[in-house]
Amino acid sequence: MTGEATLKEVIARLGKAIDLLEDAVAARLERDQDYGEAEAEVQRMNADRARLAQELDASEARAERLEEANKEVSRRLVTAMETIRAVLDR
């Protein structure tokens, strides 16, 4: 009976080891899936960052154009006011 008991113990230990291995494989697969999802999210974030950077560049360029237009309008207004003053002073 000792041999039979030992065989049953070995089979039980083997079953536990297989269960532990299956749990480890399942955990690894879950981590791999999480990693894949995280990688996809990083790619989406990088695409968003690139798009936002382009939009920011376009907005900065527009702001510079508006600033230049504002300076030109201001210059023209000063010229017009000086011309009106000159006409009124005559």
PDB file of N, CA and C in Angstrom:
ATOM      1  N   MET A   1       0.807  -1.193   0.000  1.00  0.00           N
ATOM      2  CA  MET A   1       0.000   0.000   0.000  1.00  0.00           C
ATOM      3  C   MET A   1       0.852   1.260   0.000  1.00  0.00           C
ATOM      4  N   THR A   2       2.067   1.164   0.425  1.00  0.00           N
ATOM      5  CA  THR A   2       2.922   2.334   0.480  1.00  0.00           C
ATOM      6  C   THR A   2       3.196   2.855  -0.916  1.00  0.00           C
ATOM      7  N   GLY A   3       3.442   1.962  -1.847  1.00  0.00           N
ATOM      8  CA  GLY A   3       3.680   2.354  -3.232  1.00  0.00           C
ATOM      9  C   GLY A   3       2.450   3.005  -3.836  1.00  0.00           C
ATOM     10  N   GLU A   4       1.291   2.461  -3.499  1.00  0.00           N
ATOM     11  CA  GLU A   4       0.038   3.012  -4.022  1.00  0.00           C
ATOM     12  C   GLU A   4      -0.225   4.391  -3.425  1.00  0.00           C
ATOM     13  N   ALA A   5       0.037   4.561  -2.139  1.00  0.00           N
ATOM     14  CA  ALA A   5      -0.149   5.859  -1.485  1.00  0.00           C
ATOM     15  C   ALA A   5       0.822   6.871  -2.078  1.00  0.00           C
ATOM     16  N   THR A   6       2.038   6.461  -2.302  1.00  0.00           N
ATOM     17  CA  THR A   6       3.037   7.364  -2.877  1.00  0.00           C
ATOM     18  C   THR A   6       2.634   7.766  -4.281  1.00  0.00           C
ATOM     19  N   LEU A   7       2.118   6.850  -5.078  1.00  0.00           N
ATOM     20  CA  LEU A   7       1.670   7.143  -6.430  1.00  0.00           C
ATOM     21  C   LEU A   7       0.515   8.146  -6.391  1.00  0.00           C
ATOM     22  N   LYS A   8      -0.415   7.943  -5.463  1.00  0.00           N
ATOM     23  CA  LYS A   8      -1.542   8.880  -5.338  1.00  0.00           C
ATOM     24  C   LYS A   8      -1.030  10.271  -4.946  1.00  0.00           C
ATOM     25  N   GLU A   9      -0.042  10.316  -4.065  1.00  0.00           N
ATOM     26  CA  GLU A   9       0.520  11.611  -3.653  1.00  0.00           C
ATOM     27  C   GLU A   9       1.211  12.294  -4.828  1.00  0.00           C
ATOM     28  N   VAL A  10       1.950  11.516  -5.580  1.00  0.00           N
ATOM     29  CA  VAL A  10       2.648  12.069  -6.740  1.00  0.00           C
ATOM     30  C   VAL A  10       1.636  12.590  -7.761  1.00  0.00           C
ATOM     31  N   ILE A  11       0.589  11.833  -8.001  1.00  0.00           N
ATOM     32  CA  ILE A  11      -0.445  12.255  -8.955  1.00  0.00           C
ATOM     33  C   ILE A  11      -1.134  13.522  -8.447  1.00  0.00           C
ATOM     34  N   ALA A  12      -1.403  13.581  -7.137  1.00  0.00           N
ATOM     35  CA  ALA A  12      -2.028  14.769  -6.556  1.00  0.00           C
ATOM     36  C   ALA A  12      -1.100  15.976  -6.693  1.00  0.00           C
ATOM     37  N   ARG A  13       0.187  15.815  -6.424  1.00  0.00           N
ATOM     38  CA  ARG A  13       1.165  16.900  -6.562  1.00  0.00           C
ATOM     39  C   ARG A  13       1.278  17.348  -8.017  1.00  0.00           C
ATOM     40  N   LEU A  14       1.246  16.350  -8.908  1.00  0.00           N
ATOM     41  CA  LEU A  14       1.294  16.671 -10.329  1.00  0.00           C
ATOM     42  C   LEU A  14       0.053  17.466 -10.738  1.00  0.00           C
ATOM     43  N   GLY A  15      -1.106  17.074 -10.234  1.00  0.00           N
ATOM     44  CA  GLY A  15      -2.345  17.804 -10.530  1.00  0.00           C
ATOM     45  C   GLY A  15      -2.275  19.238 -10.024  1.00  0.00           C
ATOM     46  N   LYS A  16      -1.742  19.412  -8.791  1.00  0.00           N
ATOM     47  CA  LYS A  16      -1.596  20.763  -8.244  1.00  0.00           C
ATOM     48  C   LYS A  16      -0.625  21.585  -9.070  1.00  0.00           C
ATOM     49  N   ALA A  17       0.471  20.947  -9.489  1.00  0.00           N
ATOM     50  CA  ALA A  17       1.466  21.651 -10.300  1.00  0.00           C
ATOM     51  C   ALA A  17       0.869  22.079 -11.639  1.00  0.00           C
ATOM     52  N   ILE A  18       0.058  21.201 -12.231  1.00  0.00           N
ATOM     53  CA  ILE A  18      -0.598  21.531 -13.503  1.00  0.00           C
ATOM     54  C   ILE A  18      -1.566  22.685 -13.296  1.00  0.00           C
ATOM     55  N   ASP A  19      -2.312  22.653 -12.189  1.00  0.00           N
ATOM     56  CA  ASP A  19      -3.244  23.748 -11.887  1.00  0.00           C
ATOM     57  C   ASP A  19      -2.490  25.070 -11.736  1.00  0.00           C
ATOM     58  N   LEU A  20      -1.364  25.031 -11.016  1.00  0.00           N
ATOM     59  CA  LEU A  20      -0.557  26.236 -10.843  1.00  0.00           C
ATOM     60  C   LEU A  20      -0.017  26.735 -12.181  1.00  0.00           C
ATOM     61  N   LEU A  21       0.414  25.794 -13.025  1.00  0.00           N
ATOM     62  CA  LEU A  21       0.915  26.159 -14.339  1.00  0.00           C
ATOM     63  C   LEU A  21      -0.184  26.797 -15.188  1.00  0.00           C
ATOM     64  N   GLU A  22      -1.376  26.216 -15.150  1.00  0.00           N
ATOM     65  CA  GLU A  22      -2.503  26.783 -15.893  1.00  0.00           C
ATOM     66  C   GLU A  22      -2.832  28.184 -15.395  1.00  0.00           C
ATOM     67  N   ASP A  23      -2.797  28.385 -14.082  1.00  0.00           N
ATOM     68  CA  ASP A  23      -3.057  29.713 -13.520  1.00  0.00           C
ATOM     69  C   ASP A  23      -1.995  30.716 -13.973  1.00  0.00           C
ATOM     70  N   ALA A  24      -0.730  30.256 -13.982  1.00  0.00           N
ATOM     71  CA  ALA A  24       0.354  31.137 -14.412  1.00  0.00           C
ATOM     72  C   ALA A  24       0.211  31.504 -15.885  1.00  0.00           C
ATOM     73  N   VAL A  25      -0.155  30.532 -16.708  1.00  0.00           N
ATOM     74  CA  VAL A  25      -0.347  30.793 -18.136  1.00  0.00           C
ATOM     75  C   VAL A  25      -1.508  31.765 -18.333  1.00  0.00           C
ATOM     76  N   ALA A  26      -2.602  31.568 -17.611  1.00  0.00           N
ATOM     77  CA  ALA A  26      -3.752  32.465 -17.724  1.00  0.00           C
ATOM     78  C   ALA A  26      -3.377  33.884 -17.304  1.00  0.00           C
ATOM     79  N   ALA A  27      -2.611  34.008 -16.218  1.00  0.00           N
ATOM     80  CA  ALA A  27      -2.180  35.332 -15.759  1.00  0.00           C
ATOM     81  C   ALA A  27      -1.272  35.987 -16.793  1.00  0.00           C
ATOM     82  N   ARG A  28      -0.390  35.200 -17.393  1.00  0.00           N
ATOM     83  CA  ARG A  28       0.519  35.736 -18.412  1.00  0.00           C
ATOM     84  C   ARG A  28      -0.257  36.210 -19.632  1.00  0.00           C
ATOM     85  N   LEU A  29      -1.239  35.422 -20.057  1.00  0.00           N
ATOM     86  CA  LEU A  29      -2.054  35.811 -21.206  1.00  0.00           C
ATOM     87  C   LEU A  29      -2.819  37.104 -20.919  1.00  0.00           C
ATOM     88  N   GLU A  30      -3.299  37.228 -19.703  1.00  0.00           N
ATOM     89  CA  GLU A  30      -4.023  38.445 -19.319  1.00  0.00           C
ATOM     90  C   GLU A  30      -3.086  39.657 -19.318  1.00  0.00           C
ATOM     91  N   ARG A  31      -1.867  39.473 -18.787  1.00  0.00           N
ATOM     92  CA  ARG A  31      -0.888  40.564 -18.800  1.00  0.00           C
ATOM     93  C   ARG A  31      -0.526  40.948 -20.234  1.00  0.00           C
ATOM     94  N   ASP A  32      -0.361  39.938 -21.088  1.00  0.00           N
ATOM     95  CA  ASP A  32      -0.044  40.221 -22.487  1.00  0.00           C
ATOM     96  C   ASP A  32      -1.168  40.994 -23.157  1.00  0.00           C
ATOM     97  N   GLN A  33      -2.388  40.621 -22.865  1.00  0.00           N
ATOM     98  CA  GLN A  33      -3.541  41.333 -23.427  1.00  0.00           C
ATOM     99  C   GLN A  33      -3.569  42.770 -22.909  1.00  0.00           C
ATOM    100  N   ASP A  34      -3.325  42.948 -21.612  1.00  0.00           N
ATOM    101  CA  ASP A  34      -3.287  44.296 -21.039  1.00  0.00           C
ATOM    102  C   ASP A  34      -2.177  45.116 -21.684  1.00  0.00           C
ATOM    103  N   TYR A  35      -1.028  44.481 -21.917  1.00  0.00           N
ATOM    104  CA  TYR A  35       0.085  45.173 -22.559  1.00  0.00           C
ATOM    105  C   TYR A  35      -0.302  45.611 -23.971  1.00  0.00           C
ATOM    106  N   GLY A  36      -0.973  44.731 -24.693  1.00  0.00           N
ATOM    107  CA  GLY A  36      -1.407  45.071 -26.048  1.00  0.00           C
ATOM    108  C   GLY A  36      -2.380  46.233 -26.041  1.00  0.00           C
ATOM    109  N   GLU A  37      -3.294  46.236 -25.089  1.00  0.00           N
ATOM    110  CA  GLU A  37      -4.249  47.332 -24.980  1.00  0.00           C
ATOM    111  C   GLU A  37      -3.538  48.627 -24.612  1.00  0.00           C
ATOM    112  N   ALA A  38      -2.568  48.541 -23.710  1.00  0.00           N
ATOM    113  CA  ALA A  38      -1.808  49.734 -23.319  1.00  0.00           C
ATOM    114  C   ALA A  38      -1.009  50.268 -24.503  1.00  0.00           C
ATOM    115  N   GLU A  39      -0.422  49.367 -25.273  1.00  0.00           N
ATOM    116  CA  GLU A  39       0.350  49.775 -26.454  1.00  0.00           C
ATOM    117  C   GLU A  39      -0.562  50.482 -27.456  1.00  0.00           C
ATOM    118  N   ALA A  40      -1.756  49.963 -27.666  1.00  0.00           N
ATOM    119  CA  ALA A  40      -2.714  50.595 -28.576  1.00  0.00           C
ATOM    120  C   ALA A  40      -3.100  51.980 -28.060  1.00  0.00           C
ATOM    121  N   GLU A  41      -3.278  52.103 -26.762  1.00  0.00           N
ATOM    122  CA  GLU A  41      -3.629  53.402 -26.166  1.00  0.00           C
ATOM    123  C   GLU A  41      -2.486  54.400 -26.343  1.00  0.00           C
ATOM    124  N   VAL A  42      -1.254  53.944 -26.179  1.00  0.00           N
ATOM    125  CA  VAL A  42      -0.094  54.823 -26.379  1.00  0.00           C
ATOM    126  C   VAL A  42      -0.050  55.295 -27.833  1.00  0.00           C
ATOM    127  N   GLN A  43      -0.335  54.418 -28.762  1.00  0.00           N
ATOM    128  CA  GLN A  43      -0.345  54.807 -30.172  1.00  0.00           C
ATOM    129  C   GLN A  43      -1.434  55.834 -30.446  1.00  0.00           C
ATOM    130  N   ARG A  44      -2.625  55.642 -29.848  1.00  0.00           N
ATOM    131  CA  ARG A  44      -3.710  56.619 -30.012  1.00  0.00           C
ATOM    132  C   ARG A  44      -3.301  57.967 -29.410  1.00  0.00           C
ATOM    133  N   MET A  45      -2.654  57.923 -28.254  1.00  0.00           N
ATOM    134  CA  MET A  45      -2.228  59.169 -27.611  1.00  0.00           C
ATOM    135  C   MET A  45      -1.166  59.884 -28.439  1.00  0.00           C
ATOM    136  N   ASN A  46      -0.256  59.127 -29.033  1.00  0.00           N
ATOM    137  CA  ASN A  46       0.770  59.734 -29.889  1.00  0.00           C
ATOM    138  C   ASN A  46       0.139  60.376 -31.123  1.00  0.00           C
ATOM    139  N   ALA A  47      -0.855  59.713 -31.695  1.00  0.00           N
ATOM    140  CA  ALA A  47      -1.550  60.282 -32.849  1.00  0.00           C
ATOM    141  C   ALA A  47      -2.276  61.561 -32.445  1.00  0.00           C
ATOM    142  N   ASP A  48      -2.921  61.548 -31.284  1.00  0.00           N
ATOM    143  CA  ASP A  48      -3.592  62.753 -30.784  1.00  0.00           C
ATOM    144  C   ASP A  48      -2.589  63.869 -30.545  1.00  0.00           C
ATOM    145  N   ARG A  49      -1.453  63.533 -29.966  1.00  0.00           N
ATOM    146  CA  ARG A  49      -0.425  64.537 -29.693  1.00  0.00           C
ATOM    147  C   ARG A  49       0.062  65.163 -30.992  1.00  0.00           C
ATOM    148  N   ALA A  50       0.280  64.343 -31.998  1.00  0.00           N
ATOM    149  CA  ALA A  50       0.742  64.858 -33.282  1.00  0.00           C
ATOM    150  C   ALA A  50      -0.312  65.782 -33.904  1.00  0.00           C
ATOM    151  N   ARG A  51      -1.567  65.357 -33.823  1.00  0.00           N
ATOM    152  CA  ARG A  51      -2.653  66.184 -34.367  1.00  0.00           C
ATOM    153  C   ARG A  51      -2.740  67.505 -33.615  1.00  0.00           C
ATOM    154  N   LEU A  52      -2.659  67.450 -32.294  1.00  0.00           N
ATOM    155  CA  LEU A  52      -2.724  68.671 -31.489  1.00  0.00           C
ATOM    156  C   LEU A  52      -1.537  69.589 -31.762  1.00  0.00           C
ATOM    157  N   ALA A  53      -0.379  69.010 -31.988  1.00  0.00           N
ATOM    158  CA  ALA A  53       0.801  69.816 -32.306  1.00  0.00           C
ATOM    159  C   ALA A  53       0.600  70.548 -33.636  1.00  0.00           C
ATOM    160  N   GLN A  54       0.026  69.871 -34.613  1.00  0.00           N
ATOM    161  CA  GLN A  54      -0.254  70.513 -35.898  1.00  0.00           C
ATOM    162  C   GLN A  54      -1.267  71.637 -35.726  1.00  0.00           C
ATOM    163  N   GLU A  55      -2.313  71.374 -34.942  1.00  0.00           N
ATOM    164  CA  GLU A  55      -3.321  72.404 -34.707  1.00  0.00           C
ATOM    165  C   GLU A  55      -2.710  73.602 -33.980  1.00  0.00           C
ATOM    166  N   LEU A  56      -1.833  73.340 -33.021  1.00  0.00           N
ATOM    167  CA  LEU A  56      -1.174  74.418 -32.291  1.00  0.00           C
ATOM    168  C   LEU A  56      -0.302  75.242 -33.230  1.00  0.00           C
ATOM    169  N   ASP A  57       0.453  74.569 -34.087  1.00  0.00           N
ATOM    170  CA  ASP A  57       1.289  75.287 -35.052  1.00  0.00           C
ATOM    171  C   ASP A  57       0.433  76.174 -35.959  1.00  0.00           C
ATOM    172  N   ALA A  58      -0.690  75.629 -36.423  1.00  0.00           N
ATOM    173  CA  ALA A  58      -1.581  76.402 -37.292  1.00  0.00           C
ATOM    174  C   ALA A  58      -2.161  77.599 -36.533  1.00  0.00           C
ATOM    175  N   SER A  59      -2.528  77.391 -35.286  1.00  0.00           N
ATOM    176  CA  SER A  59      -3.086  78.482 -34.481  1.00  0.00           C
ATOM    177  C   SER A  59      -2.049  79.564 -34.214  1.00  0.00           C
ATOM    178  N   GLU A  60      -0.822  79.142 -33.935  1.00  0.00           N
ATOM    179  CA  GLU A  60       0.245  80.126 -33.714  1.00  0.00           C
ATOM    180  C   GLU A  60       0.518  80.925 -34.987  1.00  0.00           C
ATOM    181  N   ALA A  61       0.513  80.258 -36.127  1.00  0.00           N
ATOM    182  CA  ALA A  61       0.724  80.964 -37.394  1.00  0.00           C
ATOM    183  C   ALA A  61      -0.407  81.958 -37.645  1.00  0.00           C
ATOM    184  N   ARG A  62      -1.621  81.552 -37.359  1.00  0.00           N
ATOM    185  CA  ARG A  62      -2.782  82.449 -37.535  1.00  0.00           C
ATOM    186  C   ARG A  62      -2.676  83.634 -36.580  1.00  0.00           C
ATOM    187  N   ALA A  63      -2.277  83.379 -35.338  1.00  0.00           N
ATOM    188  CA  ALA A  63      -2.121  84.460 -34.364  1.00  0.00           C
ATOM    189  C   ALA A  63      -1.067  85.454 -34.830  1.00  0.00           C
ATOM    190  N   GLU A  64       0.021  84.961 -35.405  1.00  0.00           N
ATOM    191  CA  GLU A  64       1.063  85.858 -35.926  1.00  0.00           C
ATOM    192  C   GLU A  64       0.528  86.695 -37.081  1.00  0.00           C
ATOM    193  N   ARG A  65      -0.256  86.070 -37.985  1.00  0.00           N
ATOM    194  CA  ARG A  65      -0.841  86.822 -39.104  1.00  0.00           C
ATOM    195  C   ARG A  65      -1.797  87.889 -38.588  1.00  0.00           C
ATOM    196  N   LEU A  66      -2.601  87.527 -37.593  1.00  0.00           N
ATOM    197  CA  LEU A  66      -3.540  88.503 -37.023  1.00  0.00           C
ATOM    198  C   LEU A  66      -2.795  89.649 -36.340  1.00  0.00           C
ATOM    199  N   GLU A  67      -1.714  89.326 -35.663  1.00  0.00           N
ATOM    200  CA  GLU A  67      -0.921  90.368 -35.000  1.00  0.00           C
ATOM    201  C   GLU A  67      -0.339  91.330 -36.033  1.00  0.00           C
ATOM    202  N   GLU A  68       0.171  90.785 -37.134  1.00  0.00           N
ATOM    203  CA  GLU A  68       0.710  91.638 -38.195  1.00  0.00           C
ATOM    204  C   GLU A  68      -0.391  92.490 -38.811  1.00  0.00           C
ATOM    205  N   ALA A  69      -1.555  91.894 -39.033  1.00  0.00           N
ATOM    206  CA  ALA A  69      -2.678  92.666 -39.587  1.00  0.00           C
ATOM    207  C   ALA A  69      -3.093  93.768 -38.621  1.00  0.00           C
ATOM    208  N   ASN A  70      -3.094  93.455 -37.342  1.00  0.00           N
ATOM    209  CA  ASN A  70      -3.442  94.445 -36.326  1.00  0.00           C
ATOM    210  C   ASN A  70      -2.455  95.612 -36.348  1.00  0.00           C
ATOM    211  N   LYS A  71      -1.164  95.299 -36.474  1.00  0.00           N
ATOM    212  CA  LYS A  71      -0.150  96.355 -36.532  1.00  0.00           C
ATOM    213  C   LYS A  71      -0.355  97.226 -37.769  1.00  0.00           C
ATOM    214  N   GLU A  72      -0.680  96.587 -38.901  1.00  0.00           N
ATOM    215  CA  GLU A  72      -0.899  97.332 -40.142  1.00  0.00           C
ATOM    216  C   GLU A  72      -2.127  98.231 -40.025  1.00  0.00           C
ATOM    217  N   VAL A  73      -3.192  97.724 -39.445  1.00  0.00           N
ATOM    218  CA  VAL A  73      -4.405  98.530 -39.254  1.00  0.00           C
ATOM    219  C   VAL A  73      -4.104  99.700 -38.328  1.00  0.00           C
ATOM    220  N   SER A  74      -3.384  99.440 -37.267  1.00  0.00           N
ATOM    221  CA  SER A  74      -3.019 100.500 -36.325  1.00  0.00           C
ATOM    222  C   SER A  74      -2.184 101.572 -37.024  1.00  0.00           C
ATOM    223  N   ARG A  75      -1.216 101.134 -37.829  1.00  0.00           N
ATOM    224  CA  ARG A  75      -0.385 102.081 -38.570  1.00  0.00           C
ATOM    225  C   ARG A  75      -1.239 102.933 -39.511  1.00  0.00           C
ATOM    226  N   ARG A  76      -2.167 102.301 -40.210  1.00  0.00           N
ATOM    227  CA  ARG A  76      -3.032 103.036 -41.139  1.00  0.00           C
ATOM    228  C   ARG A  76      -3.945 104.011 -40.400  1.00  0.00           C
ATOM    229  N   LEU A  77      -4.440 103.604 -39.235  1.00  0.00           N
ATOM    230  CA  LEU A  77      -5.287 104.501 -38.453  1.00  0.00           C
ATOM    231  C   LEU A  77      -4.513 105.736 -37.998  1.00  0.00           C
ATOM    232  N   VAL A  78      -3.275 105.523 -37.571  1.00  0.00           N
ATOM    233  CA  VAL A  78      -2.438 106.657 -37.157  1.00  0.00           C
ATOM    234  C   VAL A  78      -2.222 107.595 -38.340  1.00  0.00           C
ATOM    235  N   THR A  79      -1.931 107.034 -39.504  1.00  0.00           N
ATOM    236  CA  THR A  79      -1.728 107.849 -40.705  1.00  0.00           C
ATOM    237  C   THR A  79      -2.999 108.618 -41.045  1.00  0.00           C
ATOM    238  N   ALA A  80      -4.142 107.924 -40.970  1.00  0.00           N
ATOM    239  CA  ALA A  80      -5.419 108.584 -41.274  1.00  0.00           C
ATOM    240  C   ALA A  80      -5.700 109.703 -40.277  1.00  0.00           C
ATOM    241  N   MET A  81      -5.444 109.480 -38.990  1.00  0.00           N
ATOM    242  CA  MET A  81      -5.685 110.515 -37.979  1.00  0.00           C
ATOM    243  C   MET A  81      -4.770 111.713 -38.217  1.00  0.00           C
ATOM    244  N   GLU A  82      -3.532 111.460 -38.561  1.00  0.00           N
ATOM    245  CA  GLU A  82      -2.603 112.557 -38.831  1.00  0.00           C
ATOM    246  C   GLU A  82      -3.044 113.352 -40.053  1.00  0.00           C
ATOM    247  N   THR A  83      -3.533 112.641 -41.051  1.00  0.00           N
ATOM    248  CA  THR A  83      -4.027 113.316 -42.253  1.00  0.00           C
ATOM    249  C   THR A  83      -5.245 114.172 -41.922  1.00  0.00           C
ATOM    250  N   ILE A  84      -6.155 113.633 -41.130  1.00  0.00           N
ATOM    251  CA  ILE A  84      -7.360 114.390 -40.734  1.00  0.00           C
ATOM    252  C   ILE A  84      -6.961 115.609 -39.914  1.00  0.00           C
ATOM    253  N   ARG A  85      -6.021 115.480 -39.000  1.00  0.00           N
ATOM    254  CA  ARG A  85      -5.552 116.616 -38.202  1.00  0.00           C
ATOM    255  C   ARG A  85      -4.945 117.685 -39.090  1.00  0.00           C
ATOM    256  N   ALA A  86      -4.166 117.221 -40.050  1.00  0.00           N
ATOM    257  CA  ALA A  86      -3.512 118.180 -40.964  1.00  0.00           C
ATOM    258  C   ALA A  86      -4.566 118.945 -41.757  1.00  0.00           C
ATOM    259  N   VAL A  87      -5.602 118.268 -42.213  1.00  0.00           N
ATOM    260  CA  VAL A  87      -6.664 118.910 -42.970  1.00  0.00           C
ATOM    261  C   VAL A  87      -7.429 119.890 -42.067  1.00  0.00           C
ATOM    262  N   LEU A  88      -7.724 119.493 -40.849  1.00  0.00           N
ATOM    263  CA  LEU A  88      -8.480 120.343 -39.927  1.00  0.00           C
ATOM    264  C   LEU A  88      -7.653 121.555 -39.473  1.00  0.00           C
ATOM    265  N   ASP A  89      -6.361 121.419 -39.395  1.00  0.00           N
ATOM    266  CA  ASP A  89      -5.507 122.511 -38.962  1.00  0.00           C
ATOM    267  C   ASP A  89      -5.357 123.589 -40.037  1.00  0.00           C
ATOM    268  N   ARG A  90      -5.680 123.326 -41.264  1.00  0.00           N
ATOM    269  CA  ARG A  90      -5.518 124.308 -42.342  1.00  0.00           C
ATOM    270  C   ARG A  90      -6.557 125.342 -42.292  1.00  0.00           C
TER     271      ARG A  90
END
